[in-house]
C-alpha atoms as a PDB file:
ATOM      1  CA  UNK A   1       0.047   0.002   0.001  1.00  0.00           C
ATOM      2  CA  UNK A   2       1.437   3.312  -1.010  1.00  0.00           C
ATOM      3  CA  UNK A   3       0.629   6.422   0.970  1.00  0.00           C
ATOM      4  CA  UNK A   4       1.212   9.689  -0.799  1.00  0.00           C
ATOM      5  CA  UNK A   5       1.459  13.210   0.621  1.00  0.00           C
ATOM      6  CA  UNK A   6      -0.652  15.883  -0.883  1.00  0.00           C
ATOM      7  CA  UNK A   7      -0.021  19.619  -0.409  1.00  0.00           C
ATOM      8  CA  UNK A   8      -2.217  22.572  -0.961  1.00  0.00           C
ATOM      9  CA  UNK A   9      -0.847  26.123  -0.786  1.00  0.00           C
ATOM     10  CA  UNK A  10      -0.431  29.444  -2.477  1.00  0.00           C
ATOM     11  CA  UNK A  11       2.973  30.342  -0.881  1.00  0.00           C
ATOM     12  CA  UNK A  12       5.650  31.892  -3.044  1.00  0.00           C
ATOM     13  CA  UNK A  13       8.444  30.653  -0.782  1.00  0.00           C
ATOM     14  CA  UNK A  14       8.071  26.940  -1.842  1.00  0.00           C
ATOM     15  CA  UNK A  15       7.595  25.249  -5.213  1.00  0.00           C
ATOM     16  CA  UNK A  16       4.164  24.525  -6.587  1.00  0.00           C
ATOM     17  CA  UNK A  17       2.368  21.830  -4.521  1.00  0.00           C
ATOM     18  CA  UNK A  18       3.066  18.880  -6.954  1.00  0.00           C
ATOM     19  CA  UNK A  19       6.757  19.903  -7.285  1.00  0.00           C
ATOM     20  CA  UNK A  20       7.101  20.223  -3.498  1.00  0.00           C
ATOM     21  CA  UNK A  21       5.519  16.763  -2.952  1.00  0.00           C
ATOM     22  CA  UNK A  22       8.283  15.153  -5.081  1.00  0.00           C
ATOM     23  CA  UNK A  23      10.938  16.585  -2.788  1.00  0.00           C
ATOM     24  CA  UNK A  24       8.825  15.894   0.320  1.00  0.00           C
ATOM     25  CA  UNK A  25       8.517  12.218  -0.445  1.00  0.00           C
ATOM     26  CA  UNK A  26      12.232  12.214  -1.208  1.00  0.00           C
ATOM     27  CA  UNK A  27      11.763  10.580  -4.690  1.00  0.00           C
ATOM     28  CA  UNK A  28      15.396  10.870  -5.803  1.00  0.00           C
ATOM     29  CA  UNK A  29      18.152  13.143  -4.441  1.00  0.00           C
ATOM     30  CA  UNK A  30      15.861  15.732  -3.142  1.00  0.00           C
ATOM     31  CA  UNK A  31      16.749  15.828   0.649  1.00  0.00           C
ATOM     32  CA  UNK A  32      18.395  19.265   0.658  1.00  0.00           C
ATOM     33  CA  UNK A  33      15.353  20.657  -1.133  1.00  0.00           C
ATOM     34  CA  UNK A  34      13.067  18.845   1.374  1.00  0.00           C
ATOM     35  CA  UNK A  35      14.785  20.599   4.311  1.00  0.00           C
ATOM     36  CA  UNK A  36      14.432  23.898   2.474  1.00  0.00           C
ATOM     37  CA  UNK A  37      10.666  23.375   1.922  1.00  0.00           C
ATOM     38  CA  UNK A  38      10.248  22.231   5.477  1.00  0.00           C
ATOM     39  CA  UNK A  39      11.975  25.379   6.824  1.00  0.00           C
ATOM     40  CA  UNK A  40       9.774  27.553   4.669  1.00  0.00           C
ATOM     41  CA  UNK A  41       6.631  25.726   5.942  1.00  0.00           C
ATOM     42  CA  UNK A  42       7.753  26.020   9.518  1.00  0.00           C
ATOM     43  CA  UNK A  43       8.508  29.737   9.102  1.00  0.00           C
ATOM     44  CA  UNK A  44       5.016  30.307   7.553  1.00  0.00           C
ATOM     45  CA  UNK A  45       3.133  28.138  10.202  1.00  0.00           C
ATOM     46  CA  UNK A  46       4.903  29.682  13.153  1.00  0.00           C
ATOM     47  CA  UNK A  47       4.789  33.424  12.270  1.00  0.00           C
ATOM     48  CA  UNK A  48       2.818  35.874  14.369  1.00  0.00           C
ATOM     49  CA  UNK A  49      -0.784  36.266  13.533  1.00  0.00           C
ATOM     50  CA  UNK A  50      -1.083  32.993  11.741  1.00  0.00           C
ATOM     51  CA  UNK A  51      -4.512  31.285  12.017  1.00  0.00           C
ATOM     52  CA  UNK A  52      -5.409  27.594  11.667  1.00  0.00           C
ATOM     53  CA  UNK A  53      -8.621  25.730  11.197  1.00  0.00           C
ATOM     54  CA  UNK A  54      -9.305  21.967  10.802  1.00  0.00           C
ATOM     55  CA  UNK A  55     -11.133  21.110   7.568  1.00  0.00           C
ATOM     56  CA  UNK A  56     -13.177  17.855   7.306  1.00  0.00           C
ATOM     57  CA  UNK A  57     -12.492  15.629   4.383  1.00  0.00           C
ATOM     58  CA  UNK A  58     -14.691  12.815   5.635  1.00  0.00           C
ATOM     59  CA  UNK A  59     -17.281  12.799   2.775  1.00  0.00           C
ATOM     60  CA  UNK A  60     -15.384  14.840   0.277  1.00  0.00           C
ATOM     61  CA  UNK A  61     -11.983  14.992  -1.486  1.00  0.00           C
ATOM     62  CA  UNK A  62      -9.198  17.110   0.069  1.00  0.00           C
ATOM     63  CA  UNK A  63      -9.417  19.195  -3.159  1.00  0.00           C
ATOM     64  CA  UNK A  64     -13.118  19.950  -2.450  1.00  0.00           C
ATOM     65  CA  UNK A  65     -12.442  20.781   1.154  1.00  0.00           C
ATOM     66  CA  UNK A  66      -9.661  23.182   0.139  1.00  0.00           C
ATOM     67  CA  UNK A  67     -12.072  24.947  -2.346  1.00  0.00           C
ATOM     68  CA  UNK A  68     -14.721  25.280   0.352  1.00  0.00           C
ATOM     69  CA  UNK A  69     -12.122  26.593   2.792  1.00  0.00           C
ATOM     70  CA  UNK A  70     -10.998  29.252   0.276  1.00  0.00           C
ATOM     71  CA  UNK A  71     -14.567  30.302  -0.368  1.00  0.00           C
ATOM     72  CA  UNK A  72     -15.350  30.589   3.351  1.00  0.00           C
ATOM     73  CA  UNK A  73     -12.196  32.210   4.704  1.00  0.00           C
ATOM     74  CA  UNK A  74     -10.802  34.041   1.571  1.00  0.00           C
ATOM     75  CA  UNK A  75      -7.234  33.709   2.783  1.00  0.00           C
ATOM     76  CA  UNK A  76      -4.280  35.746   1.435  1.00  0.00           C
ATOM     77  CA  UNK A  77      -1.895  32.833   1.858  1.00  0.00           C
ATOM     78  CA  UNK A  78      -2.644  29.285   3.161  1.00  0.00           C
ATOM     79  CA  UNK A  79      -0.936  25.946   3.585  1.00  0.00           C
ATOM     80  CA  UNK A  80      -2.308  22.358   4.140  1.00  0.00           C
ATOM     81  CA  UNK A  81      -0.935  18.914   3.924  1.00  0.00           C
ATOM     82  CA  UNK A  82      -2.651  15.607   4.068  1.00  0.00           C
ATOM     83  CA  UNK A  83      -1.907  11.917   3.109  1.00  0.00           C
ATOM     84  CA  UNK A  84      -3.786   9.648   0.802  1.00  0.00           C
ATOM     85  CA  UNK A  85      -3.472   5.939  -0.114  1.00  0.00           C
ATOM     86  CA  UNK A  86      -5.227   3.035  -1.703  1.00  0.00           C
ATOM     87  CA  UNK A  87      -6.829   1.987   1.456  1.00  0.00           C
ATOM     88  CA  UNK A  88      -6.038   5.026   3.593  1.00  0.00           C
ATOM     89  CA  UNK A  89      -7.254   8.571   3.707  1.00  0.00           C
ATOM     90  CA  UNK A  90      -7.315  10.992   6.578  1.00  0.00           C
ATOM     91  CA  UNK A  91     -10.721  12.441   7.511  1.00  0.00           C
ATOM     92  CA  UNK A  92      -9.459  16.035   8.386  1.00  0.00           C
ATOM     93  CA  UNK A  93      -6.581  18.282   7.751  1.00  0.00           C
ATOM     94  CA  UNK A  94      -5.277  21.391   9.405  1.00  0.00           C
ATOM     95  CA  UNK A  95      -5.025  24.544   7.234  1.00  0.00           C
ATOM     96  CA  UNK A  96      -2.680  27.409   8.306  1.00  0.00           C
ATOM     97  CA  UNK A  97      -3.654  30.698   6.737  1.00  0.00           C
ATOM     98  CA  UNK A  98      -3.280  34.477   6.862  1.00  0.00           C
ATOM     99  CA  UNK A  99      -6.411  36.561   6.276  1.00  0.00           C
ATOM    100  CA  UNK A 100      -6.783  40.215   5.225  1.00  0.00           C
ATOM    101  CA  UNK A 101      -6.677  41.550   8.791  1.00  0.00           C
ATOM    102  CA  UNK A 102      -3.230  39.969   9.449  1.00  0.00           C
ATOM    103  CA  UNK A 103      -1.928  40.807   6.010  1.00  0.00           C
ATOM    104  CA  UNK A 104      -2.368  44.544   6.558  1.00  0.00           C
ATOM    105  CA  UNK A 105      -5.521  45.066   4.438  1.00  0.00           C
ATOM    106  CA  UNK A 106      -8.194  46.054   6.959  1.00  0.00           C
END
């Protein structure tokens, strides 16, 4: 059984989600890039004013849950990561985000 990591984000500090997952899963010689991505994610998730919410993926795909999250919260920037496999899927994921009040647009 193969479990894959899936990322959703709109951060400029790390590669596009599909590219970042390649390094995250360490497919090949991507360990230094994985560390760089992990440091960027940690910096984003630990900054002052960051908010987080748990999104349910119990009866919908993670992609649908992220679309609904974006519609409800209208984040300026966001990051979420979950895992998916043939016989395995998480039923919720934590989304870290910055909204307009934190981003300086009041």
